[in-house]
Amino acid sequence: MPHNPIPRTSLRVAGVTAAAFATALLSPTAANADPAPGCTAADMANVAAGVAAQTSGYLFAHPDLNAFYTDLHNKPDDQVPAAVDAYFDANPQAHTDLLGIRQPLTDFRSRCGLTQPDRPLLGD
């Protein structure tokens, strides 16, 4: 059975999520105050896990999109945003679906005062 490495896209999403939360937790304002209810690291991990599980299910149910994201690791980093934009221009429903799946994380960040990450993997 061939080894299937974790796509860079998954690592980037996880890294951005962790970095955004760590940055928010280490900011002077956050260091002097308790986190808002429902805004702890555990809460974010819970939301991120749900988004990751739904994304996984969506990708398995849409093999063309799964293959597209998997193959992004073969592209130079500077070509990834244009490739993503082109894919979603041709597949707007997939873009809408993925934005919907990701919405709980967007809502969490907004509610908890965390900055939204750049989203080159969703082309917006």
PDB file of N, CA and C in Angstrom:
ATOM      1  N   MET A   1       0.847  -1.175   0.000  1.00  0.00           N
ATOM      2  CA  MET A   1       0.000   0.000   0.000  1.00  0.00           C
ATOM      3  C   MET A   1       0.893   1.238   0.000  1.00  0.00           C
ATOM      4  N   PRO A   2       0.710   2.179  -0.928  1.00  0.00           N
ATOM      5  CA  PRO A   2       1.569   3.356  -0.979  1.00  0.00           C
ATOM      6  C   PRO A   2       1.330   4.270   0.212  1.00  0.00           C
ATOM      7  N   HIS A   3       2.395   4.953   0.575  1.00  0.00           N
ATOM      8  CA  HIS A   3       2.319   5.920   1.674  1.00  0.00           C
ATOM      9  C   HIS A   3       1.670   7.197   1.152  1.00  0.00           C
ATOM     10  N   ASN A   4       0.642   7.663   1.831  1.00  0.00           N
ATOM     11  CA  ASN A   4      -0.031   8.904   1.465  1.00  0.00           C
ATOM     12  C   ASN A   4       0.330   9.962   2.480  1.00  0.00           C
ATOM     13  N   PRO A   5       1.252  10.869   2.124  1.00  0.00           N
ATOM     14  CA  PRO A   5       1.624  11.913   3.079  1.00  0.00           C
ATOM     15  C   PRO A   5       0.461  12.855   3.325  1.00  0.00           C
ATOM     16  N   ILE A   6       0.497  13.500   4.464  1.00  0.00           N
ATOM     17  CA  ILE A   6      -0.520  14.505   4.771  1.00  0.00           C
ATOM     18  C   ILE A   6      -0.302  15.667   3.824  1.00  0.00           C
ATOM     19  N   PRO A   7      -1.331  16.054   3.088  1.00  0.00           N
ATOM     20  CA  PRO A   7      -1.158  17.180   2.156  1.00  0.00           C
ATOM     21  C   PRO A   7      -0.751  18.445   2.897  1.00  0.00           C
ATOM     22  N   ARG A   8       0.087  19.256   2.231  1.00  0.00           N
ATOM     23  CA  ARG A   8       0.515  20.516   2.828  1.00  0.00           C
ATOM     24  C   ARG A   8      -0.675  21.368   3.213  1.00  0.00           C
ATOM     25  N   THR A   9      -1.758  21.218   2.461  1.00  0.00           N
ATOM     26  CA  THR A   9      -2.933  22.035   2.751  1.00  0.00           C
ATOM     27  C   THR A   9      -3.445  21.756   4.154  1.00  0.00           C
ATOM     28  N   SER A  10      -3.481  20.487   4.544  1.00  0.00           N
ATOM     29  CA  SER A  10      -3.948  20.136   5.886  1.00  0.00           C
ATOM     30  C   SER A  10      -3.010  20.696   6.941  1.00  0.00           C
ATOM     31  N   LEU A  11      -1.708  20.597   6.656  1.00  0.00           N
ATOM     32  CA  LEU A  11      -0.738  21.118   7.615  1.00  0.00           C
ATOM     33  C   LEU A  11      -0.838  22.630   7.725  1.00  0.00           C
ATOM     34  N   ARG A  12      -1.066  23.311   6.601  1.00  0.00           N
ATOM     35  CA  ARG A  12      -1.190  24.761   6.634  1.00  0.00           C
ATOM     36  C   ARG A  12      -2.411  25.185   7.438  1.00  0.00           C
ATOM     37  N   VAL A  13      -3.528  24.510   7.214  1.00  0.00           N
ATOM     38  CA  VAL A  13      -4.752  24.866   7.933  1.00  0.00           C
ATOM     39  C   VAL A  13      -4.538  24.668   9.426  1.00  0.00           C
ATOM     40  N   ALA A  14      -3.967  23.532   9.816  1.00  0.00           N
ATOM     41  CA  ALA A  14      -3.721  23.264  11.231  1.00  0.00           C
ATOM     42  C   ALA A  14      -2.729  24.270  11.808  1.00  0.00           C
ATOM     43  N   GLY A  15      -1.680  24.570  11.053  1.00  0.00           N
ATOM     44  CA  GLY A  15      -0.677  25.515  11.520  1.00  0.00           C
ATOM     45  C   GLY A  15      -1.230  26.915  11.683  1.00  0.00           C
ATOM     46  N   VAL A  16      -2.028  27.340  10.724  1.00  0.00           N
ATOM     47  CA  VAL A  16      -2.641  28.672  10.805  1.00  0.00           C
ATOM     48  C   VAL A  16      -3.572  28.750  12.001  1.00  0.00           C
ATOM     49  N   THR A  17      -4.357  27.700  12.220  1.00  0.00           N
ATOM     50  CA  THR A  17      -5.281  27.679  13.348  1.00  0.00           C
ATOM     51  C   THR A  17      -4.512  27.758  14.668  1.00  0.00           C
ATOM     52  N   ALA A  18      -3.491  26.934  14.813  1.00  0.00           N
ATOM     53  CA  ALA A  18      -2.715  26.928  16.045  1.00  0.00           C
ATOM     54  C   ALA A  18      -1.977  28.245  16.236  1.00  0.00           C
ATOM     55  N   ALA A  19      -1.400  28.768  15.166  1.00  0.00           N
ATOM     56  CA  ALA A  19      -0.656  30.023  15.265  1.00  0.00           C
ATOM     57  C   ALA A  19      -1.572  31.181  15.632  1.00  0.00           C
ATOM     58  N   ALA A  20      -2.745  31.226  15.030  1.00  0.00           N
ATOM     59  CA  ALA A  20      -3.685  32.311  15.332  1.00  0.00           C
ATOM     60  C   ALA A  20      -4.098  32.267  16.793  1.00  0.00           C
ATOM     61  N   PHE A  21      -4.358  31.085  17.307  1.00  0.00           N
ATOM     62  CA  PHE A  21      -4.782  30.982  18.693  1.00  0.00           C
ATOM     63  C   PHE A  21      -3.635  31.321  19.636  1.00  0.00           C
ATOM     64  N   ALA A  22      -2.434  30.815  19.323  1.00  0.00           N
ATOM     65  CA  ALA A  22      -1.284  31.109  20.174  1.00  0.00           C
ATOM     66  C   ALA A  22      -0.992  32.603  20.192  1.00  0.00           C
ATOM     67  N   THR A  23      -1.069  33.237  19.033  1.00  0.00           N
ATOM     68  CA  THR A  23      -0.835  34.673  18.959  1.00  0.00           C
ATOM     69  C   THR A  23      -1.855  35.423  19.806  1.00  0.00           C
ATOM     70  N   ALA A  24      -3.109  35.031  19.699  1.00  0.00           N
ATOM     71  CA  ALA A  24      -4.148  35.705  20.474  1.00  0.00           C
ATOM     72  C   ALA A  24      -3.944  35.482  21.969  1.00  0.00           C
ATOM     73  N   LEU A  25      -3.545  34.289  22.349  1.00  0.00           N
ATOM     74  CA  LEU A  25      -3.344  34.012  23.764  1.00  0.00           C
ATOM     75  C   LEU A  25      -2.145  34.758  24.328  1.00  0.00           C
ATOM     76  N   LEU A  26      -1.146  35.029  23.489  1.00  0.00           N
ATOM     77  CA  LEU A  26       0.065  35.681  23.966  1.00  0.00           C
ATOM     78  C   LEU A  26       0.035  37.194  23.832  1.00  0.00           C
ATOM     79  N   SER A  27      -1.026  37.727  23.256  1.00  0.00           N
ATOM     80  CA  SER A  27      -1.102  39.176  23.117  1.00  0.00           C
ATOM     81  C   SER A  27      -1.251  39.812  24.490  1.00  0.00           C
ATOM     82  N   PRO A  28      -0.787  41.066  24.664  1.00  0.00           N
ATOM     83  CA  PRO A  28      -0.873  41.708  25.980  1.00  0.00           C
ATOM     84  C   PRO A  28      -2.287  41.750  26.536  1.00  0.00           C
ATOM     85  N   THR A  29      -3.268  42.005  25.690  1.00  0.00           N
ATOM     86  CA  THR A  29      -4.643  42.070  26.165  1.00  0.00           C
ATOM     87  C   THR A  29      -5.098  40.714  26.683  1.00  0.00           C
ATOM     88  N   ALA A  30      -4.808  39.677  25.906  1.00  0.00           N
ATOM     89  CA  ALA A  30      -5.233  38.335  26.308  1.00  0.00           C
ATOM     90  C   ALA A  30      -4.499  37.875  27.561  1.00  0.00           C
ATOM     91  N   ALA A  31      -3.243  38.283  27.725  1.00  0.00           N
ATOM     92  CA  ALA A  31      -2.458  37.842  28.874  1.00  0.00           C
ATOM     93  C   ALA A  31      -2.994  38.430  30.175  1.00  0.00           C
ATOM     94  N   ASN A  32      -3.660  39.580  30.097  1.00  0.00           N
ATOM     95  CA  ASN A  32      -4.159  40.235  31.303  1.00  0.00           C
ATOM     96  C   ASN A  32      -5.599  39.893  31.629  1.00  0.00           C
ATOM     97  N   ALA A  33      -6.242  39.118  30.802  1.00  0.00           N
ATOM     98  CA  ALA A  33      -7.653  38.817  31.019  1.00  0.00           C
ATOM     99  C   ALA A  33      -7.903  37.335  30.828  1.00  0.00           C
ATOM    100  N   ASP A  34      -8.892  36.842  31.541  1.00  0.00           N
ATOM    101  CA  ASP A  34      -9.306  35.463  31.325  1.00  0.00           C
ATOM    102  C   ASP A  34      -9.984  35.389  29.968  1.00  0.00           C
ATOM    103  N   PRO A  35      -9.865  34.237  29.300  1.00  0.00           N
ATOM    104  CA  PRO A  35     -10.549  34.123  28.015  1.00  0.00           C
ATOM    105  C   PRO A  35     -12.067  34.208  28.206  1.00  0.00           C
ATOM    106  N   ALA A  36     -12.725  34.725  27.204  1.00  0.00           N
ATOM    107  CA  ALA A  36     -14.191  34.773  27.252  1.00  0.00           C
ATOM    108  C   ALA A  36     -14.720  33.349  27.361  1.00  0.00           C
ATOM    109  N   PRO A  37     -15.892  33.171  27.944  1.00  0.00           N
ATOM    110  CA  PRO A  37     -16.458  31.832  28.028  1.00  0.00           C
ATOM    111  C   PRO A  37     -16.541  31.196  26.636  1.00  0.00           C
ATOM    112  N   GLY A  38     -16.092  29.966  26.546  1.00  0.00           N
ATOM    113  CA  GLY A  38     -16.124  29.260  25.271  1.00  0.00           C
ATOM    114  C   GLY A  38     -14.994  29.626  24.340  1.00  0.00           C
ATOM    115  N   CYS A  39     -13.971  30.323  24.837  1.00  0.00           N
ATOM    116  CA  CYS A  39     -12.863  30.784  23.996  1.00  0.00           C
ATOM    117  C   CYS A  39     -11.509  30.246  24.457  1.00  0.00           C
ATOM    118  N   THR A  40     -11.499  29.095  25.084  1.00  0.00           N
ATOM    119  CA  THR A  40     -10.244  28.515  25.541  1.00  0.00           C
ATOM    120  C   THR A  40      -9.595  27.721  24.403  1.00  0.00           C
ATOM    121  N   ALA A  41      -8.366  27.319  24.632  1.00  0.00           N
ATOM    122  CA  ALA A  41      -7.663  26.484  23.655  1.00  0.00           C
ATOM    123  C   ALA A  41      -8.438  25.184  23.409  1.00  0.00           C
ATOM    124  N   ALA A  42      -9.001  24.624  24.466  1.00  0.00           N
ATOM    125  CA  ALA A  42      -9.786  23.393  24.316  1.00  0.00           C
ATOM    126  C   ALA A  42     -11.020  23.626  23.451  1.00  0.00           C
ATOM    127  N   ASP A  43     -11.663  24.788  23.641  1.00  0.00           N
ATOM    128  CA  ASP A  43     -12.833  25.113  22.820  1.00  0.00           C
ATOM    129  C   ASP A  43     -12.443  25.217  21.346  1.00  0.00           C
ATOM    130  N   MET A  44     -11.315  25.883  21.083  1.00  0.00           N
ATOM    131  CA  MET A  44     -10.886  26.020  19.693  1.00  0.00           C
ATOM    132  C   MET A  44     -10.527  24.666  19.107  1.00  0.00           C
ATOM    133  N   ALA A  45      -9.839  23.842  19.881  1.00  0.00           N
ATOM    134  CA  ALA A  45      -9.496  22.507  19.394  1.00  0.00           C
ATOM    135  C   ALA A  45     -10.752  21.711  19.066  1.00  0.00           C
ATOM    136  N   ASN A  46     -11.778  21.861  19.876  1.00  0.00           N
ATOM    137  CA  ASN A  46     -13.034  21.155  19.637  1.00  0.00           C
ATOM    138  C   ASN A  46     -13.685  21.618  18.337  1.00  0.00           C
ATOM    139  N   VAL A  47     -13.730  22.934  18.135  1.00  0.00           N
ATOM    140  CA  VAL A  47     -14.320  23.475  16.902  1.00  0.00           C
ATOM    141  C   VAL A  47     -13.492  23.034  15.700  1.00  0.00           C
ATOM    142  N   ALA A  48     -12.165  23.153  15.817  1.00  0.00           N
ATOM    143  CA  ALA A  48     -11.284  22.778  14.708  1.00  0.00           C
ATOM    144  C   ALA A  48     -11.413  21.291  14.378  1.00  0.00           C
ATOM    145  N   ALA A  49     -11.578  20.460  15.394  1.00  0.00           N
ATOM    146  CA  ALA A  49     -11.739  19.022  15.154  1.00  0.00           C
ATOM    147  C   ALA A  49     -13.023  18.739  14.387  1.00  0.00           C
ATOM    148  N   GLY A  50     -14.094  19.422  14.741  1.00  0.00           N
ATOM    149  CA  GLY A  50     -15.350  19.237  14.019  1.00  0.00           C
ATOM    150  C   GLY A  50     -15.237  19.684  12.574  1.00  0.00           C
ATOM    151  N   VAL A  51     -14.586  20.825  12.352  1.00  0.00           N
ATOM    152  CA  VAL A  51     -14.395  21.320  10.992  1.00  0.00           C
ATOM    153  C   VAL A  51     -13.513  20.339  10.209  1.00  0.00           C
ATOM    154  N   ALA A  52     -12.461  19.852  10.836  1.00  0.00           N
ATOM    155  CA  ALA A  52     -11.567  18.905  10.161  1.00  0.00           C
ATOM    156  C   ALA A  52     -12.307  17.619   9.789  1.00  0.00           C
ATOM    157  N   ALA A  53     -13.137  17.113  10.696  1.00  0.00           N
ATOM    158  CA  ALA A  53     -13.888  15.885  10.412  1.00  0.00           C
ATOM    159  C   ALA A  53     -14.869  16.097   9.258  1.00  0.00           C
ATOM    160  N   GLN A  54     -15.563  17.236   9.259  1.00  0.00           N
ATOM    161  CA  GLN A  54     -16.499  17.513   8.169  1.00  0.00           C
ATOM    162  C   GLN A  54     -15.762  17.711   6.845  1.00  0.00           C
ATOM    163  N   THR A  55     -14.602  18.371   6.899  1.00  0.00           N
ATOM    164  CA  THR A  55     -13.816  18.572   5.688  1.00  0.00           C
ATOM    165  C   THR A  55     -13.349  17.241   5.138  1.00  0.00           C
ATOM    166  N   SER A  56     -12.891  16.362   6.001  1.00  0.00           N
ATOM    167  CA  SER A  56     -12.456  15.038   5.575  1.00  0.00           C
ATOM    168  C   SER A  56     -13.589  14.289   4.885  1.00  0.00           C
ATOM    169  N   GLY A  57     -14.751  14.286   5.504  1.00  0.00           N
ATOM    170  CA  GLY A  57     -15.902  13.611   4.904  1.00  0.00           C
ATOM    171  C   GLY A  57     -16.262  14.197   3.551  1.00  0.00           C
ATOM    172  N   TYR A  58     -16.209  15.521   3.457  1.00  0.00           N
ATOM    173  CA  TYR A  58     -16.532  16.190   2.195  1.00  0.00           C
ATOM    174  C   TYR A  58     -15.528  15.806   1.116  1.00  0.00           C
ATOM    175  N   LEU A  59     -14.243  15.802   1.473  1.00  0.00           N
ATOM    176  CA  LEU A  59     -13.217  15.455   0.487  1.00  0.00           C
ATOM    177  C   LEU A  59     -13.344  14.003   0.034  1.00  0.00           C
ATOM    178  N   PHE A  60     -13.633  13.097   0.951  1.00  0.00           N
ATOM    179  CA  PHE A  60     -13.835  11.698   0.546  1.00  0.00           C
ATOM    180  C   PHE A  60     -15.052  11.556  -0.362  1.00  0.00           C
ATOM    181  N   ALA A  61     -16.071  12.352  -0.129  1.00  0.00           N
ATOM    182  CA  ALA A  61     -17.286  12.291  -0.950  1.00  0.00           C
ATOM    183  C   ALA A  61     -17.119  13.001  -2.296  1.00  0.00           C
ATOM    184  N   HIS A  62     -16.054  13.787  -2.435  1.00  0.00           N
ATOM    185  CA  HIS A  62     -15.794  14.529  -3.680  1.00  0.00           C
ATOM    186  C   HIS A  62     -14.362  14.225  -4.133  1.00  0.00           C
ATOM    187  N   PRO A  63     -14.162  13.061  -4.760  1.00  0.00           N
ATOM    188  CA  PRO A  63     -12.800  12.622  -5.104  1.00  0.00           C
ATOM    189  C   PRO A  63     -12.032  13.587  -6.006  1.00  0.00           C
ATOM    190  N   ASP A  64     -12.734  14.325  -6.874  1.00  0.00           N
ATOM    191  CA  ASP A  64     -12.012  15.275  -7.729  1.00  0.00           C
ATOM    192  C   ASP A  64     -11.396  16.398  -6.890  1.00  0.00           C
ATOM    193  N   LEU A  65     -12.144  16.910  -5.935  1.00  0.00           N
ATOM    194  CA  LEU A  65     -11.625  17.957  -5.061  1.00  0.00           C
ATOM    195  C   LEU A  65     -10.517  17.398  -4.170  1.00  0.00           C
ATOM    196  N   ASN A  66     -10.711  16.196  -3.671  1.00  0.00           N
ATOM    197  CA  ASN A  66      -9.694  15.543  -2.851  1.00  0.00           C
ATOM    198  C   ASN A  66      -8.389  15.415  -3.644  1.00  0.00           C
ATOM    199  N   ALA A  67      -8.490  14.968  -4.893  1.00  0.00           N
ATOM    200  CA  ALA A  67      -7.304  14.830  -5.739  1.00  0.00           C
ATOM    201  C   ALA A  67      -6.659  16.195  -6.003  1.00  0.00           C
ATOM    202  N   PHE A  68      -7.495  17.206  -6.237  1.00  0.00           N
ATOM    203  CA  PHE A  68      -6.961  18.546  -6.470  1.00  0.00           C
ATOM    204  C   PHE A  68      -6.137  19.014  -5.275  1.00  0.00           C
ATOM    205  N   TYR A  69      -6.699  18.941  -4.073  1.00  0.00           N
ATOM    206  CA  TYR A  69      -5.972  19.381  -2.889  1.00  0.00           C
ATOM    207  C   TYR A  69      -4.739  18.513  -2.629  1.00  0.00           C
ATOM    208  N   THR A  70      -4.866  17.224  -2.851  1.00  0.00           N
ATOM    209  CA  THR A  70      -3.734  16.327  -2.648  1.00  0.00           C
ATOM    210  C   THR A  70      -2.590  16.685  -3.588  1.00  0.00           C
ATOM    211  N   ASP A  71      -2.919  17.018  -4.825  1.00  0.00           N
ATOM    212  CA  ASP A  71      -1.893  17.338  -5.816  1.00  0.00           C
ATOM    213  C   ASP A  71      -1.277  18.718  -5.639  1.00  0.00           C
ATOM    214  N   LEU A  72      -1.846  19.559  -4.792  1.00  0.00           N
ATOM    215  CA  LEU A  72      -1.260  20.885  -4.582  1.00  0.00           C
ATOM    216  C   LEU A  72       0.168  20.803  -4.054  1.00  0.00           C
ATOM    217  N   HIS A  73       0.482  19.733  -3.351  1.00  0.00           N
ATOM    218  CA  HIS A  73       1.847  19.632  -2.804  1.00  0.00           C
ATOM    219  C   HIS A  73       2.897  19.512  -3.907  1.00  0.00           C
ATOM    220  N   ASN A  74       2.483  19.217  -5.130  1.00  0.00           N
ATOM    221  CA  ASN A  74       3.409  19.138  -6.254  1.00  0.00           C
ATOM    222  C   ASN A  74       3.662  20.503  -6.893  1.00  0.00           C
ATOM    223  N   LYS A  75       2.932  21.513  -6.479  1.00  0.00           N
ATOM    224  CA  LYS A  75       3.070  22.856  -7.050  1.00  0.00           C
ATOM    225  C   LYS A  75       3.965  23.713  -6.151  1.00  0.00           C
ATOM    226  N   PRO A  76       4.721  24.612  -6.762  1.00  0.00           N
ATOM    227  CA  PRO A  76       5.458  25.585  -5.943  1.00  0.00           C
ATOM    228  C   PRO A  76       4.459  26.446  -5.152  1.00  0.00           C
ATOM    229  N   ASP A  77       4.847  26.834  -3.970  1.00  0.00           N
ATOM    230  CA  ASP A  77       3.952  27.598  -3.093  1.00  0.00           C
ATOM    231  C   ASP A  77       3.372  28.834  -3.764  1.00  0.00           C
ATOM    232  N   ASP A  78       4.155  29.497  -4.602  1.00  0.00           N
ATOM    233  CA  ASP A  78       3.658  30.717  -5.227  1.00  0.00           C
ATOM    234  C   ASP A  78       2.602  30.457  -6.292  1.00  0.00           C
ATOM    235  N   GLN A  79       2.431  29.203  -6.715  1.00  0.00           N
ATOM    236  CA  GLN A  79       1.415  28.855  -7.710  1.00  0.00           C
ATOM    237  C   GLN A  79       0.114  28.356  -7.085  1.00  0.00           C
ATOM    238  N   VAL A  80       0.153  28.046  -5.805  1.00  0.00           N
ATOM    239  CA  VAL A  80      -1.015  27.469  -5.140  1.00  0.00           C
ATOM    240  C   VAL A  80      -2.226  28.413  -5.147  1.00  0.00           C
ATOM    241  N   PRO A  81      -2.085  29.690  -4.760  1.00  0.00           N
ATOM    242  CA  PRO A  81      -3.278  30.553  -4.750  1.00  0.00           C
ATOM    243  C   PRO A  81      -3.971  30.649  -6.106  1.00  0.00           C
ATOM    244  N   ALA A  82      -3.217  30.776  -7.192  1.00  0.00           N
ATOM    245  CA  ALA A  82      -3.829  30.871  -8.527  1.00  0.00           C
ATOM    246  C   ALA A  82      -4.509  29.555  -8.901  1.00  0.00           C
ATOM    247  N   ALA A  83      -3.905  28.433  -8.528  1.00  0.00           N
ATOM    248  CA  ALA A  83      -4.512  27.136  -8.822  1.00  0.00           C
ATOM    249  C   ALA A  83      -5.831  26.978  -8.064  1.00  0.00           C
ATOM    250  N   VAL A  84      -5.837  27.398  -6.813  1.00  0.00           N
ATOM    251  CA  VAL A  84      -7.053  27.312  -6.002  1.00  0.00           C
ATOM    252  C   VAL A  84      -8.135  28.213  -6.587  1.00  0.00           C
ATOM    253  N   ASP A  85      -7.770  29.439  -6.932  1.00  0.00           N
ATOM    254  CA  ASP A  85      -8.742  30.360  -7.535  1.00  0.00           C
ATOM    255  C   ASP A  85      -9.335  29.761  -8.807  1.00  0.00           C
ATOM    256  N   ALA A  86      -8.488  29.199  -9.652  1.00  0.00           N
ATOM    257  CA  ALA A  86      -8.960  28.620 -10.916  1.00  0.00           C
ATOM    258  C   ALA A  86      -9.888  27.438 -10.654  1.00  0.00           C
ATOM    259  N   TYR A  87      -9.540  26.595  -9.684  1.00  0.00           N
ATOM    260  CA  TYR A  87     -10.385  25.435  -9.381  1.00  0.00           C
ATOM    261  C   TYR A  87     -11.766  25.890  -8.918  1.00  0.00           C
ATOM    262  N   PHE A  88     -11.787  26.834  -7.989  1.00  0.00           N
ATOM    263  CA  PHE A  88     -13.074  27.256  -7.448  1.00  0.00           C
ATOM    264  C   PHE A  88     -13.868  28.134  -8.407  1.00  0.00           C
ATOM    265  N   ASP A  89     -13.194  28.818  -9.331  1.00  0.00           N
ATOM    266  CA  ASP A  89     -13.925  29.522 -10.392  1.00  0.00           C
ATOM    267  C   ASP A  89     -14.707  28.521 -11.240  1.00  0.00           C
ATOM    268  N   ALA A  90     -14.100  27.362 -11.453  1.00  0.00           N
ATOM    269  CA  ALA A  90     -14.750  26.320 -12.249  1.00  0.00           C
ATOM    270  C   ALA A  90     -15.710  25.458 -11.431  1.00  0.00           C
ATOM    271  N   ASN A  91     -15.596  25.521 -10.099  1.00  0.00           N
ATOM    272  CA  ASN A  91     -16.405  24.679  -9.199  1.00  0.00           C
ATOM    273  C   ASN A  91     -16.944  25.516  -8.042  1.00  0.00           C
ATOM    274  N   PRO A  92     -17.823  26.473  -8.328  1.00  0.00           N
ATOM    275  CA  PRO A  92     -18.273  27.388  -7.260  1.00  0.00           C
ATOM    276  C   PRO A  92     -19.043  26.699  -6.140  1.00  0.00           C
ATOM    277  N   GLN A  93     -19.727  25.611  -6.431  1.00  0.00           N
ATOM    278  CA  GLN A  93     -20.472  24.933  -5.361  1.00  0.00           C
ATOM    279  C   GLN A  93     -19.527  24.326  -4.333  1.00  0.00           C
ATOM    280  N   ALA A  94     -18.416  23.787  -4.775  1.00  0.00           N
ATOM    281  CA  ALA A  94     -17.428  23.242  -3.839  1.00  0.00           C
ATOM    282  C   ALA A  94     -16.890  24.348  -2.940  1.00  0.00           C
ATOM    283  N   HIS A  95     -16.661  25.511  -3.520  1.00  0.00           N
ATOM    284  CA  HIS A  95     -16.181  26.651  -2.746  1.00  0.00           C
ATOM    285  C   HIS A  95     -17.200  27.037  -1.678  1.00  0.00           C
ATOM    286  N   THR A  96     -18.448  27.151  -2.092  1.00  0.00           N
ATOM    287  CA  THR A  96     -19.523  27.501  -1.154  1.00  0.00           C
ATOM    288  C   THR A  96     -19.642  26.456  -0.054  1.00  0.00           C
ATOM    289  N   ASP A  97     -19.584  25.183  -0.436  1.00  0.00           N
ATOM    290  CA  ASP A  97     -19.690  24.098   0.547  1.00  0.00           C
ATOM    291  C   ASP A  97     -18.559  24.163   1.572  1.00  0.00           C
ATOM    292  N   LEU A  98     -17.332  24.350   1.100  1.00  0.00           N
ATOM    293  CA  LEU A  98     -16.196  24.382   2.017  1.00  0.00           C
ATOM    294  C   LEU A  98     -16.238  25.612   2.927  1.00  0.00           C
ATOM    295  N   LEU A  99     -16.668  26.731   2.388  1.00  0.00           N
ATOM    296  CA  LEU A  99     -16.823  27.907   3.251  1.00  0.00           C
ATOM    297  C   LEU A  99     -17.850  27.639   4.341  1.00  0.00           C
ATOM    298  N   GLY A 100     -18.921  26.941   4.000  1.00  0.00           N
ATOM    299  CA  GLY A 100     -19.932  26.587   4.992  1.00  0.00           C
ATOM    300  C   GLY A 100     -19.389  25.651   6.058  1.00  0.00           C
ATOM    301  N   ILE A 101     -18.594  24.683   5.633  1.00  0.00           N
ATOM    302  CA  ILE A 101     -17.988  23.748   6.587  1.00  0.00           C
ATOM    303  C   ILE A 101     -17.050  24.496   7.534  1.00  0.00           C
ATOM    304  N   ARG A 102     -16.341  25.458   6.996  1.00  0.00           N
ATOM    305  CA  ARG A 102     -15.364  26.214   7.779  1.00  0.00           C
ATOM    306  C   ARG A 102     -16.004  27.296   8.657  1.00  0.00           C
ATOM    307  N   GLN A 103     -17.258  27.602   8.435  1.00  0.00           N
ATOM    308  CA  GLN A 103     -17.923  28.709   9.135  1.00  0.00           C
ATOM    309  C   GLN A 103     -17.821  28.638  10.662  1.00  0.00           C
ATOM    310  N   PRO A 104     -17.946  27.461  11.291  1.00  0.00           N
ATOM    311  CA  PRO A 104     -17.815  27.438  12.754  1.00  0.00           C
ATOM    312  C   PRO A 104     -16.472  27.978  13.251  1.00  0.00           C
ATOM    313  N   LEU A 105     -15.398  27.737  12.513  1.00  0.00           N
ATOM    314  CA  LEU A 105     -14.099  28.286  12.905  1.00  0.00           C
ATOM    315  C   LEU A 105     -14.067  29.790  12.714  1.00  0.00           C
ATOM    316  N   THR A 106     -14.639  30.254  11.620  1.00  0.00           N
ATOM    317  CA  THR A 106     -14.722  31.693  11.372  1.00  0.00           C
ATOM    318  C   THR A 106     -15.524  32.365  12.479  1.00  0.00           C
ATOM    319  N   ASP A 107     -16.640  31.756  12.832  1.00  0.00           N
ATOM    320  CA  ASP A 107     -17.484  32.300  13.907  1.00  0.00           C
ATOM    321  C   ASP A 107     -16.748  32.302  15.244  1.00  0.00           C
ATOM    322  N   PHE A 108     -16.032  31.217  15.533  1.00  0.00           N
ATOM    323  CA  PHE A 108     -15.276  31.123  16.780  1.00  0.00           C
ATOM    324  C   PHE A 108     -14.266  32.258  16.860  1.00  0.00           C
ATOM    325  N   ARG A 109     -13.496  32.432  15.801  1.00  0.00           N
ATOM    326  CA  ARG A 109     -12.475  33.489  15.800  1.00  0.00           C
ATOM    327  C   ARG A 109     -13.108  34.864  15.997  1.00  0.00           C
ATOM    328  N   SER A 110     -14.215  35.087  15.336  1.00  0.00           N
ATOM    329  CA  SER A 110     -14.889  36.376  15.449  1.00  0.00           C
ATOM    330  C   SER A 110     -15.398  36.592  16.872  1.00  0.00           C
ATOM    331  N   ARG A 111     -16.062  35.593  17.413  1.00  0.00           N
ATOM    332  CA  ARG A 111     -16.641  35.689  18.755  1.00  0.00           C
ATOM    333  C   ARG A 111     -15.565  35.839  19.831  1.00  0.00           C
ATOM    334  N   CYS A 112     -14.408  35.211  19.603  1.00  0.00           N
ATOM    335  CA  CYS A 112     -13.357  35.209  20.614  1.00  0.00           C
ATOM    336  C   CYS A 112     -12.285  36.262  20.367  1.00  0.00           C
ATOM    337  N   GLY A 113     -12.487  37.117  19.370  1.00  0.00           N
ATOM    338  CA  GLY A 113     -11.559  38.209  19.118  1.00  0.00           C
ATOM    339  C   GLY A 113     -10.239  37.785  18.507  1.00  0.00           C
ATOM    340  N   LEU A 114     -10.226  36.665  17.797  1.00  0.00           N
ATOM    341  CA  LEU A 114      -9.010  36.206  17.128  1.00  0.00           C
ATOM    342  C   LEU A 114      -9.034  36.679  15.679  1.00  0.00           C
ATOM    343  N   THR A 115      -7.886  36.993  15.146  1.00  0.00           N
ATOM    344  CA  THR A 115      -7.826  37.438  13.757  1.00  0.00           C
ATOM    345  C   THR A 115      -8.133  36.274  12.828  1.00  0.00           C
ATOM    346  N   GLN A 116      -8.728  36.597  11.709  1.00  0.00           N
ATOM    347  CA  GLN A 116      -9.019  35.579  10.700  1.00  0.00           C
ATOM    348  C   GLN A 116      -7.749  35.359   9.884  1.00  0.00           C
ATOM    349  N   PRO A 117      -7.408  34.106   9.593  1.00  0.00           N
ATOM    350  CA  PRO A 117      -6.209  33.839   8.809  1.00  0.00           C
ATOM    351  C   PRO A 117      -6.439  34.144   7.334  1.00  0.00           C
ATOM    352  N   ASP A 118      -5.340  34.307   6.620  1.00  0.00           N
ATOM    353  CA  ASP A 118      -5.452  34.378   5.165  1.00  0.00           C
ATOM    354  C   ASP A 118      -6.005  33.030   4.713  1.00  0.00           C
ATOM    355  N   ARG A 119      -6.788  33.040   3.635  1.00  0.00           N
ATOM    356  CA  ARG A 119      -7.425  31.797   3.193  1.00  0.00           C
ATOM    357  C   ARG A 119      -7.086  31.442   1.748  1.00  0.00           C
ATOM    358  N   PRO A 120      -5.808  31.332   1.417  1.00  0.00           N
ATOM    359  CA  PRO A 120      -5.501  31.007   0.028  1.00  0.00           C
ATOM    360  C   PRO A 120      -5.996  29.626  -0.377  1.00  0.00           C
ATOM    361  N   LEU A 121      -6.241  28.756   0.601  1.00  0.00           N
ATOM    362  CA  LEU A 121      -6.677  27.401   0.263  1.00  0.00           C
ATOM    363  C   LEU A 121      -8.148  27.342  -0.113  1.00  0.00           C
ATOM    364  N   LEU A 122      -8.854  28.429   0.155  1.00  0.00           N
ATOM    365  CA  LEU A 122     -10.255  28.513  -0.272  1.00  0.00           C
ATOM    366  C   LEU A 122     -10.447  29.600  -1.308  1.00  0.00           C
ATOM    367  N   GLY A 123      -9.379  30.257  -1.693  1.00  0.00           N
ATOM    368  CA  GLY A 123      -9.437  31.212  -2.770  1.00  0.00           C
ATOM    369  C   GLY A 123     -10.232  32.462  -2.494  1.00  0.00           C
ATOM    370  N   ASP A 124     -10.327  32.889  -1.233  1.00  0.00           N
ATOM    371  CA  ASP A 124     -11.074  34.117  -0.977  1.00  0.00           C
ATOM    372  C   ASP A 124     -10.258  35.120  -0.236  1.00  0.00           C
TER     373      ASP A 124
END
